[in-house]
Amino acid sequence: MTWRAALLLAAGAPTLPLWPSPFVGVSVMTGAVLLLVVVDRLLAVPPAALTVRREGDRTVRLGGTATVALRVENTSGRTLRAQIRDAWVPSVGARPDVPPRRVVTVAPGETAVLPTRLTPTRRGDRPAVALTVRSLGPLRLAFRQRSGRPATPPWTLRVLPRFDSRRHLPEKLARLRVIDGTQVSRGRGQGTEFDTLREYVVGDDVRSIDWRASARQADVLVRTWRPERDRRLVCVLDTGRTSAVRIGDEPRLDTAIDAALLLTALASRAGDRVDLLAADTAVRATVTGTGRAALLPRLVHALAPLQPALVETDFELVAGEVLRRQRQRSLVVLFTALEAGALGEGLLPVLPRLAARHRVMIAATHDPVLSAMTTGTPSRPEDAYAAAAGWRALAERDRVRAALTRYGVLVVDAPAGALATTLADTYLRLKSQGQL
């Protein structure tokens, strides 16, 4: 019963008893209103007579906007007058073009399209929760309603990582071409793999002269080199409790994902094979580098539903998985936090076994809270204690970095906004020096 029917029932009217009883009396107006309500409900289109389906976007990048539309087809012989509410999870940011309280009219045999704009605020899979259809009668005194999952067409929107560091990719690729020697620059690109022989020109390094080949020709020939290709790169994402710490407006894991995507895009263009492993107490995601053209899209889709777990990372498991999957020498980039408790007790015991076979690099982000605690002059006693705690945390991080360096581990420690570019620059430096 709608509010219109309730107002009619509440209207004052003389009561005429229809049968002798001191307790029961029914007014003529009340009986008429009840009859109209019953008839109006019977004339309302049954929600089961509607055919509802969805169409629109299946994926959207975090920060973007997707559109998913409902197509409501009226298969009955009466005109549909309905209020339709399409509910999604709150983090999807649903904004329907037609407000739920507005009455939608659909003639018999016709279809209404109700679009909803979705602007998600979190990564992952965001499903449609429930569809509610309230079919009103012609007088709008009563309605028929159906809601819940049986009446909801299934739809899941996958929210992909933001990948803000994509804007740095052209500049990094330009530097890669310089290293590769395919772009004219002041200095010819250096490498460690033999490429071709060519004639000597003024300015070439005399150490690159091939004397045996020059003896067989009438001119001096020099060897040209190219950077190493077909090397192995393994990105390991720590999804344990340290990845849940918020750095700015997002978890540390999101910063690591952004840096891993830029590094993967750069390494795949450089001709290297890239694999990815995400783990804490179990393996959460794995992507192999087969099919380099489709590597980045596969990586993005695999990382989209990845979320931090509030558990201590099992670095014994991580090291075992890397050693089992990678038989050849590789560059292993571990995205984690420089935290003494996590790395000192978990990673350092297994690091010698991992560093004996692979080149290991740690990619970590600064915590701006610690930097803020250690700057400025304390004006209150609690500020002095906070500053002391910050200095102690920074000292522990320096000790962890020194311990990792003793094992030959390369540590990249940068602010969250600069981690992706700093890591890409380190990769290019190692590639130009032939140290992958």
Protein backbone atom coordinates (compact mmCIF):
# COMPACT_ATOMS: atom_id res chain seq x y z
CA MET A 1 0.00 0.00 0.00
CA THR A 2 1.30 3.43 -0.95
CA TRP A 3 1.08 6.70 0.94
CA ARG A 4 -1.92 7.75 -1.16
CA ALA A 5 -3.96 4.82 0.06
CA ALA A 6 -2.87 5.47 3.65
CA LEU A 7 -4.11 9.06 3.42
CA LEU A 8 -7.49 7.94 2.12
CA LEU A 9 -7.87 5.43 4.95
CA ALA A 10 -6.97 8.10 7.49
CA ALA A 11 -9.62 10.50 6.19
CA GLY A 12 -12.46 11.04 8.66
CA ALA A 13 -15.77 9.38 7.59
CA PRO A 14 -18.94 8.35 9.44
CA THR A 15 -18.93 4.76 10.54
CA LEU A 16 -21.93 2.69 9.51
CA PRO A 17 -22.09 -0.68 11.27
CA LEU A 18 -22.67 -3.52 8.81
CA TRP A 19 -23.47 -6.07 11.50
CA PRO A 20 -24.44 -5.71 15.14
CA SER A 21 -21.31 -5.71 17.23
CA PRO A 22 -20.05 -3.33 19.91
CA PHE A 23 -16.43 -3.70 18.71
CA VAL A 24 -16.40 -4.00 14.90
CA GLY A 25 -17.43 -1.29 12.46
CA VAL A 26 -16.43 -0.61 8.90
CA SER A 27 -16.94 2.71 7.17
CA VAL A 28 -18.20 2.92 3.65
CA MET A 29 -15.22 5.03 2.54
CA THR A 30 -12.74 2.66 4.15
CA GLY A 31 -14.29 -0.28 2.38
CA ALA A 32 -14.19 1.57 -0.93
CA VAL A 33 -10.53 2.50 -0.45
CA LEU A 34 -9.62 -1.07 0.41
CA LEU A 35 -11.42 -2.27 -2.69
CA LEU A 36 -9.56 0.25 -4.84
CA VAL A 37 -6.24 -0.82 -3.29
CA VAL A 38 -6.92 -4.46 -4.07
CA VAL A 39 -7.98 -3.71 -7.65
CA ASP A 40 -5.02 -1.38 -8.17
CA ARG A 41 -2.59 -4.06 -6.99
CA LEU A 42 -4.16 -6.64 -9.29
CA LEU A 43 -3.79 -4.26 -12.26
CA ALA A 44 -0.10 -3.62 -11.51
CA VAL A 45 2.30 -5.43 -13.87
CA PRO A 46 3.82 -8.46 -12.10
CA PRO A 47 7.64 -8.05 -11.77
CA ALA A 48 7.99 -11.64 -12.95
CA ALA A 49 6.65 -10.53 -16.36
CA LEU A 50 9.68 -8.29 -16.87
CA THR A 51 12.86 -9.33 -18.65
CA VAL A 52 15.86 -7.52 -17.18
CA ARG A 53 19.42 -7.77 -18.46
CA ARG A 54 22.59 -5.67 -18.27
CA GLU A 55 25.00 -4.29 -20.81
CA GLY A 56 28.01 -2.02 -20.63
CA ASP A 57 31.59 -1.95 -19.37
CA ARG A 58 33.20 -4.94 -17.70
CA THR A 59 36.45 -3.24 -16.68
CA VAL A 60 37.52 0.25 -15.69
CA ARG A 61 40.76 1.69 -14.41
CA LEU A 62 40.75 3.06 -10.87
CA GLY A 63 39.80 6.72 -11.05
CA GLY A 64 37.86 6.30 -14.30
CA THR A 65 34.13 6.06 -14.93
CA ALA A 66 32.24 3.10 -16.39
CA THR A 67 28.65 2.87 -17.57
CA VAL A 68 26.43 -0.17 -16.99
CA ALA A 69 22.84 -0.03 -18.27
CA LEU A 70 19.73 -1.99 -17.31
CA ARG A 71 17.45 -3.02 -20.15
CA VAL A 72 13.95 -3.56 -18.76
CA GLU A 73 11.59 -5.21 -21.26
CA ASN A 74 7.85 -5.26 -20.52
CA THR A 75 6.52 -8.59 -21.83
CA SER A 76 3.08 -8.17 -20.30
CA GLY A 77 0.01 -6.71 -21.97
CA ARG A 78 -0.26 -3.75 -19.59
CA THR A 79 1.74 -0.54 -19.20
CA LEU A 80 4.48 -0.76 -16.60
CA ARG A 81 4.79 2.01 -14.04
CA ALA A 82 7.65 1.16 -11.73
CA GLN A 83 10.32 2.49 -9.42
CA ILE A 84 13.60 0.68 -10.07
CA ARG A 85 16.57 0.69 -7.70
CA ASP A 86 19.83 -0.89 -8.84
CA ALA A 87 22.07 -1.35 -5.78
CA TRP A 88 25.87 -1.82 -5.97
CA VAL A 89 28.53 -2.08 -3.30
CA PRO A 90 29.35 1.40 -1.88
CA SER A 91 32.95 1.46 -3.18
CA VAL A 92 31.75 1.32 -6.79
CA GLY A 93 30.38 4.88 -6.59
CA ALA A 94 27.11 4.22 -8.44
CA ARG A 95 25.22 7.26 -9.79
CA PRO A 96 22.05 6.26 -11.70
CA ASP A 97 20.81 8.58 -14.43
CA VAL A 98 17.22 7.84 -13.31
CA PRO A 99 16.71 8.36 -9.54
CA PRO A 100 15.14 5.35 -7.75
CA ARG A 101 12.06 7.37 -6.69
CA ARG A 102 11.23 8.43 -10.23
CA VAL A 103 8.49 6.36 -11.89
CA VAL A 104 9.56 4.68 -15.13
CA THR A 105 6.81 4.06 -17.68
CA VAL A 106 7.22 1.26 -20.23
CA ALA A 107 4.53 0.42 -22.76
CA PRO A 108 3.65 -3.24 -23.52
CA GLY A 109 6.36 -4.92 -25.60
CA GLU A 110 8.79 -2.00 -25.28
CA THR A 111 12.15 -1.71 -23.50
CA ALA A 112 13.51 0.98 -21.18
CA VAL A 113 17.27 1.58 -20.85
CA LEU A 114 18.41 2.80 -17.43
CA PRO A 115 22.16 3.65 -17.38
CA THR A 116 24.23 3.87 -14.20
CA ARG A 117 27.60 5.61 -14.02
CA LEU A 118 30.17 3.88 -11.82
CA THR A 119 33.25 5.68 -10.44
CA PRO A 120 35.03 3.14 -8.19
CA THR A 121 37.23 4.14 -5.28
CA ARG A 122 38.92 0.74 -4.76
CA ARG A 123 40.55 -1.92 -6.89
CA GLY A 124 39.11 -5.37 -7.33
CA ASP A 125 35.88 -6.99 -8.44
CA ARG A 126 32.78 -4.91 -7.63
CA PRO A 127 29.50 -6.83 -8.07
CA ALA A 128 25.92 -5.65 -8.43
CA VAL A 129 24.18 -6.39 -5.12
CA ALA A 130 20.43 -6.30 -5.63
CA LEU A 131 17.82 -5.05 -8.09
CA THR A 132 14.48 -3.90 -6.67
CA VAL A 133 11.48 -3.42 -8.96
CA ARG A 134 8.35 -1.82 -7.45
CA SER A 135 5.51 -2.07 -9.97
CA LEU A 136 2.74 0.48 -9.24
CA GLY A 137 -0.91 0.17 -10.15
CA PRO A 138 -2.66 2.65 -12.46
CA LEU A 139 -3.98 4.62 -9.45
CA ARG A 140 -0.64 4.26 -7.61
CA LEU A 141 -2.49 3.13 -4.49
CA ALA A 142 -0.72 -0.25 -4.29
CA PHE A 143 2.30 -1.98 -5.79
CA ARG A 144 3.96 -5.30 -6.40
CA GLN A 145 7.62 -5.58 -5.49
CA ARG A 146 10.41 -8.00 -6.18
CA SER A 147 14.00 -7.64 -5.02
CA GLY A 148 17.07 -9.63 -4.10
CA ARG A 149 19.51 -11.83 -5.92
CA PRO A 150 17.04 -14.04 -7.82
CA ALA A 151 15.80 -10.96 -9.67
CA THR A 152 19.23 -9.36 -10.08
CA PRO A 153 21.04 -9.92 -13.38
CA PRO A 154 24.61 -10.88 -12.46
CA TRP A 155 27.31 -8.35 -13.32
CA THR A 156 30.79 -7.75 -11.95
CA LEU A 157 32.90 -4.71 -12.71
CA ARG A 158 36.65 -5.33 -12.46
CA VAL A 159 38.50 -2.23 -11.28
CA LEU A 160 42.06 -2.27 -12.63
CA PRO A 161 45.06 -0.60 -10.96
CA ARG A 162 45.50 3.10 -11.57
CA PHE A 163 48.97 2.91 -13.23
CA ASP A 164 49.78 6.61 -12.86
CA SER A 165 53.44 5.96 -13.69
CA ARG A 166 52.47 5.19 -17.29
CA ARG A 167 53.21 8.84 -18.13
CA HIS A 168 56.92 8.17 -17.47
CA LEU A 169 57.09 5.26 -19.92
CA PRO A 170 57.92 7.29 -23.09
CA GLU A 171 60.89 8.94 -21.37
CA LYS A 172 62.19 5.60 -20.07
CA LEU A 173 61.79 4.00 -23.50
CA ALA A 174 63.75 6.87 -25.05
CA ARG A 175 66.60 6.20 -22.62
CA LEU A 176 66.36 2.49 -23.46
CA ARG A 177 66.77 3.27 -27.17
CA VAL A 178 69.83 5.34 -26.36
CA ILE A 179 71.29 2.42 -24.43
CA ASP A 180 70.37 0.10 -27.27
CA GLY A 181 72.24 2.29 -29.73
CA THR A 182 69.28 2.63 -32.12
CA GLN A 183 68.83 6.37 -31.56
CA VAL A 184 71.39 8.98 -32.55
CA SER A 185 72.96 10.55 -29.48
CA ARG A 186 76.26 11.93 -28.33
CA GLY A 187 77.45 8.58 -27.10
CA ARG A 188 76.79 5.27 -28.78
CA GLY A 189 74.88 2.82 -26.64
CA GLN A 190 77.01 0.37 -24.73
CA GLY A 191 76.20 -3.25 -24.04
CA THR A 192 77.67 -6.64 -23.33
CA GLU A 193 76.40 -8.76 -26.28
CA PHE A 194 78.10 -8.72 -29.68
CA ASP A 195 75.94 -7.21 -32.43
CA THR A 196 77.72 -6.52 -35.75
CA LEU A 197 80.99 -5.43 -37.36
CA ARG A 198 81.31 -2.06 -39.08
CA GLU A 199 84.00 0.24 -40.40
CA TYR A 200 85.97 2.34 -37.95
CA VAL A 201 85.08 6.04 -37.73
CA VAL A 202 86.79 8.83 -35.83
CA GLY A 203 85.67 8.80 -32.22
CA ASP A 204 85.23 5.04 -31.84
CA ASP A 205 86.86 3.34 -28.91
CA VAL A 206 90.04 1.67 -30.13
CA ARG A 207 89.41 -1.17 -27.69
CA SER A 208 86.45 -2.23 -29.84
CA ILE A 209 88.64 -2.83 -32.93
CA ASP A 210 88.48 -6.43 -34.15
CA TRP A 211 92.06 -6.98 -35.37
CA ARG A 212 91.44 -10.42 -36.82
CA ALA A 213 88.49 -9.24 -38.90
CA SER A 214 90.45 -6.12 -39.92
CA ALA A 215 93.33 -8.30 -41.12
CA ARG A 216 90.99 -10.12 -43.50
CA GLN A 217 89.57 -6.86 -44.89
CA ALA A 218 91.01 -3.77 -46.44
CA ASP A 219 89.73 -1.51 -43.67
CA VAL A 220 89.70 -1.33 -39.91
CA LEU A 221 86.59 -2.93 -38.42
CA VAL A 222 85.15 -2.42 -34.98
CA ARG A 223 82.72 -4.48 -32.99
CA THR A 224 79.37 -3.00 -32.00
CA TRP A 225 77.58 -4.15 -28.93
CA ARG A 226 74.01 -4.18 -27.73
CA PRO A 227 72.52 -4.42 -24.28
CA GLU A 228 71.70 -7.80 -22.88
CA ARG A 229 68.47 -9.36 -24.10
CA ASP A 230 66.36 -12.32 -23.07
CA ARG A 231 67.27 -11.83 -19.43
CA ARG A 232 64.94 -12.88 -16.63
CA LEU A 233 63.14 -10.47 -14.31
CA VAL A 234 60.96 -11.65 -11.41
CA CYS A 235 58.72 -9.17 -9.59
CA VAL A 236 57.73 -10.45 -6.14
CA LEU A 237 54.95 -8.58 -4.32
CA ASP A 238 54.77 -8.91 -0.56
CA THR A 239 51.04 -8.93 0.25
CA GLY A 240 51.47 -9.41 4.00
CA ARG A 241 50.64 -7.00 6.81
CA THR A 242 53.29 -4.42 5.86
CA SER A 243 51.59 -3.96 2.47
CA ALA A 244 48.41 -2.78 4.20
CA VAL A 245 50.09 0.32 5.69
CA ARG A 246 48.66 3.41 4.06
CA ILE A 247 51.22 5.64 2.37
CA GLY A 248 49.33 8.83 1.63
CA ASP A 249 45.88 7.98 0.30
CA GLU A 250 46.47 4.37 -0.68
CA PRO A 251 47.99 1.16 0.73
CA ARG A 252 51.65 0.40 0.22
CA LEU A 253 50.60 -2.50 -2.02
CA ASP A 254 49.06 -0.10 -4.56
CA THR A 255 52.34 1.83 -4.78
CA ALA A 256 54.19 -1.45 -5.36
CA ILE A 257 51.74 -2.49 -8.07
CA ASP A 258 52.20 0.82 -9.89
CA ALA A 259 56.00 0.45 -9.80
CA ALA A 260 55.81 -3.19 -10.90
CA LEU A 261 53.66 -2.28 -13.90
CA LEU A 262 56.10 0.38 -15.09
CA LEU A 263 59.06 -1.96 -14.63
CA THR A 264 57.24 -4.75 -16.49
CA ALA A 265 56.32 -2.51 -19.40
CA LEU A 266 59.91 -1.28 -19.69
CA ALA A 267 61.54 -4.70 -19.36
CA SER A 268 59.21 -6.35 -21.88
CA ARG A 269 60.03 -3.62 -24.42
CA ALA A 270 63.73 -4.25 -23.73
CA GLY A 271 63.34 -7.89 -24.73
CA ASP A 272 63.55 -9.39 -21.26
CA ARG A 273 61.21 -12.01 -19.84
CA VAL A 274 59.17 -10.86 -16.85
CA ASP A 275 57.42 -13.10 -14.32
CA LEU A 276 55.36 -12.01 -11.33
CA LEU A 277 54.67 -13.63 -7.99
CA ALA A 278 52.46 -12.26 -5.19
CA ALA A 279 52.51 -14.09 -1.86
CA ASP A 280 52.23 -13.82 1.92
CA THR A 281 51.46 -17.12 3.68
CA ALA A 282 50.28 -18.50 0.32
CA VAL A 283 50.73 -17.67 -3.34
CA ARG A 284 48.05 -15.11 -4.23
CA ALA A 285 48.87 -14.46 -7.89
CA THR A 286 51.34 -15.63 -10.48
CA VAL A 287 51.95 -14.51 -14.07
CA THR A 288 54.55 -15.89 -16.46
CA GLY A 289 56.17 -13.90 -19.23
CA THR A 290 55.00 -16.00 -22.15
CA GLY A 291 53.45 -13.93 -24.93
CA ARG A 292 55.07 -10.57 -24.33
CA ALA A 293 52.49 -8.68 -26.37
CA ALA A 294 49.74 -9.65 -23.94
CA LEU A 295 51.91 -9.66 -20.81
CA LEU A 296 50.92 -6.24 -19.46
CA PRO A 297 47.13 -6.76 -19.83
CA ARG A 298 47.41 -10.16 -18.15
CA LEU A 299 49.45 -8.64 -15.37
CA VAL A 300 46.94 -5.83 -14.82
CA HIS A 301 44.01 -8.25 -14.60
CA ALA A 302 45.90 -10.56 -12.24
CA LEU A 303 46.79 -7.72 -9.87
CA ALA A 304 43.36 -6.05 -9.88
CA PRO A 305 41.72 -8.26 -7.19
CA LEU A 306 44.88 -8.48 -5.08
CA GLN A 307 44.38 -7.17 -1.53
CA PRO A 308 46.70 -6.97 1.53
CA ALA A 309 46.40 -9.73 4.11
CA LEU A 310 46.92 -9.03 7.80
CA VAL A 311 49.38 -11.89 8.25
CA GLU A 312 53.14 -12.17 8.57
CA THR A 313 54.74 -12.94 5.22
CA ASP A 314 56.36 -16.35 4.94
CA PHE A 315 59.63 -15.49 3.21
CA GLU A 316 60.66 -19.13 3.34
CA LEU A 317 57.72 -19.82 1.05
CA VAL A 318 58.60 -16.86 -1.17
CA ALA A 319 62.23 -17.91 -1.57
CA GLY A 320 61.24 -21.52 -2.23
CA GLU A 321 58.77 -20.50 -4.94
CA VAL A 322 61.31 -18.26 -6.67
CA LEU A 323 64.02 -20.94 -6.60
CA ARG A 324 61.59 -23.58 -7.84
CA ARG A 325 60.22 -21.49 -10.69
CA GLN A 326 63.44 -19.76 -11.83
CA ARG A 327 66.28 -22.12 -12.69
CA GLN A 328 68.27 -19.52 -14.62
CA ARG A 329 69.92 -16.54 -13.00
CA SER A 330 67.40 -13.68 -12.77
CA LEU A 331 66.92 -10.26 -11.32
CA VAL A 332 64.49 -10.73 -8.41
CA VAL A 333 62.77 -7.49 -7.37
CA LEU A 334 61.06 -7.84 -4.00
CA PHE A 335 58.47 -5.15 -3.23
CA THR A 336 58.26 -4.97 0.55
CA ALA A 337 58.93 -2.65 3.49
CA LEU A 338 62.28 -2.04 5.18
CA GLU A 339 60.94 -3.17 8.53
CA ALA A 340 63.31 -4.83 10.97
CA GLY A 341 60.70 -7.17 12.39
CA ALA A 342 59.51 -8.53 9.04
CA LEU A 343 62.82 -8.69 7.15
CA GLY A 344 65.17 -9.39 10.05
CA GLU A 345 63.32 -12.50 11.20
CA GLY A 346 61.83 -13.59 7.89
CA LEU A 347 63.96 -12.59 4.89
CA LEU A 348 67.54 -12.46 6.21
CA PRO A 349 67.70 -16.17 7.16
CA VAL A 350 66.71 -17.27 3.63
CA LEU A 351 68.51 -14.49 1.76
CA PRO A 352 71.88 -16.27 1.33
CA ARG A 353 70.19 -19.16 -0.47
CA LEU A 354 68.29 -16.77 -2.75
CA ALA A 355 71.21 -14.41 -3.42
CA ALA A 356 73.51 -17.32 -4.32
CA ARG A 357 71.52 -18.01 -7.49
CA HIS A 358 69.86 -14.69 -8.35
CA ARG A 359 70.53 -10.97 -8.27
CA VAL A 360 68.21 -9.61 -5.57
CA MET A 361 66.80 -6.09 -5.35
CA ILE A 362 64.56 -4.70 -2.59
CA ALA A 363 62.07 -1.98 -3.61
CA ALA A 364 60.65 -0.11 -0.61
CA THR A 365 58.82 3.15 -0.01
CA HIS A 366 59.40 5.89 2.52
CA ASP A 367 56.78 6.40 5.20
CA PRO A 368 56.05 10.15 5.26
CA VAL A 369 54.80 9.88 8.83
CA LEU A 370 58.29 8.98 10.06
CA SER A 371 59.84 11.90 8.20
CA ALA A 372 57.26 14.29 9.68
CA MET A 373 57.93 12.98 13.20
CA THR A 374 61.65 13.66 12.95
CA THR A 375 61.43 17.18 11.52
CA GLY A 376 60.82 20.34 13.47
CA THR A 377 61.41 21.30 17.09
CA PRO A 378 59.22 19.50 19.66
CA SER A 379 57.08 21.92 21.65
CA ARG A 380 55.37 19.36 23.90
CA PRO A 381 56.63 16.29 25.76
CA GLU A 382 54.56 13.97 23.57
CA ASP A 383 56.15 15.52 20.47
CA ALA A 384 59.59 14.69 21.87
CA TYR A 385 58.57 11.06 22.45
CA ALA A 386 57.13 10.86 18.92
CA ALA A 387 60.34 12.28 17.46
CA ALA A 388 62.43 9.77 19.40
CA ALA A 389 60.24 6.91 18.13
CA GLY A 390 60.61 8.20 14.58
CA TRP A 391 64.41 8.41 14.83
CA ARG A 392 64.50 4.91 16.24
CA ALA A 393 62.41 3.55 13.37
CA LEU A 394 64.67 5.27 10.84
CA ALA A 395 67.76 3.87 12.54
CA GLU A 396 66.30 0.34 12.39
CA ARG A 397 65.57 0.82 8.70
CA ASP A 398 69.19 1.88 8.11
CA ARG A 399 70.42 -1.22 9.94
CA VAL A 400 68.21 -3.43 7.78
CA ARG A 401 69.51 -1.73 4.64
CA ALA A 402 73.11 -2.27 5.77
CA ALA A 403 72.42 -5.95 6.49
CA LEU A 404 70.86 -6.43 3.06
CA THR A 405 73.80 -4.71 1.38
CA ARG A 406 76.25 -7.12 3.02
CA TYR A 407 74.52 -9.95 1.15
CA GLY A 408 74.94 -8.11 -2.15
CA VAL A 409 71.32 -6.98 -2.27
CA LEU A 410 70.58 -3.72 -4.08
CA VAL A 411 68.15 -1.57 -2.07
CA VAL A 412 65.90 1.02 -3.74
CA ASP A 413 64.32 3.14 -1.02
CA ALA A 414 62.28 6.07 -2.37
CA PRO A 415 59.16 8.08 -1.58
CA ALA A 416 55.88 6.63 -2.77
CA GLY A 417 55.55 9.09 -5.65
CA ALA A 418 59.08 8.39 -6.93
CA LEU A 419 59.40 4.63 -6.39
CA ALA A 420 58.31 3.68 -9.92
CA THR A 421 60.69 6.07 -11.68
CA THR A 422 63.62 5.35 -9.35
CA LEU A 423 63.18 1.62 -9.84
CA ALA A 424 63.00 2.02 -13.63
CA ASP A 425 66.19 4.13 -13.61
CA THR A 426 67.97 1.47 -11.55
CA TYR A 427 66.90 -1.20 -14.03
CA LEU A 428 68.20 0.86 -16.96
CA ARG A 429 71.51 1.43 -15.18
CA LEU A 430 71.95 -2.29 -14.51
CA LYS A 431 71.07 -3.10 -18.10
CA SER A 432 73.54 -0.59 -19.52
CA GLN A 433 76.27 -2.00 -17.29
CA GLY A 434 75.43 -5.60 -18.15
CA GLN A 435 74.69 -6.54 -14.54
CA LEU A 436 71.31 -8.22 -14.98
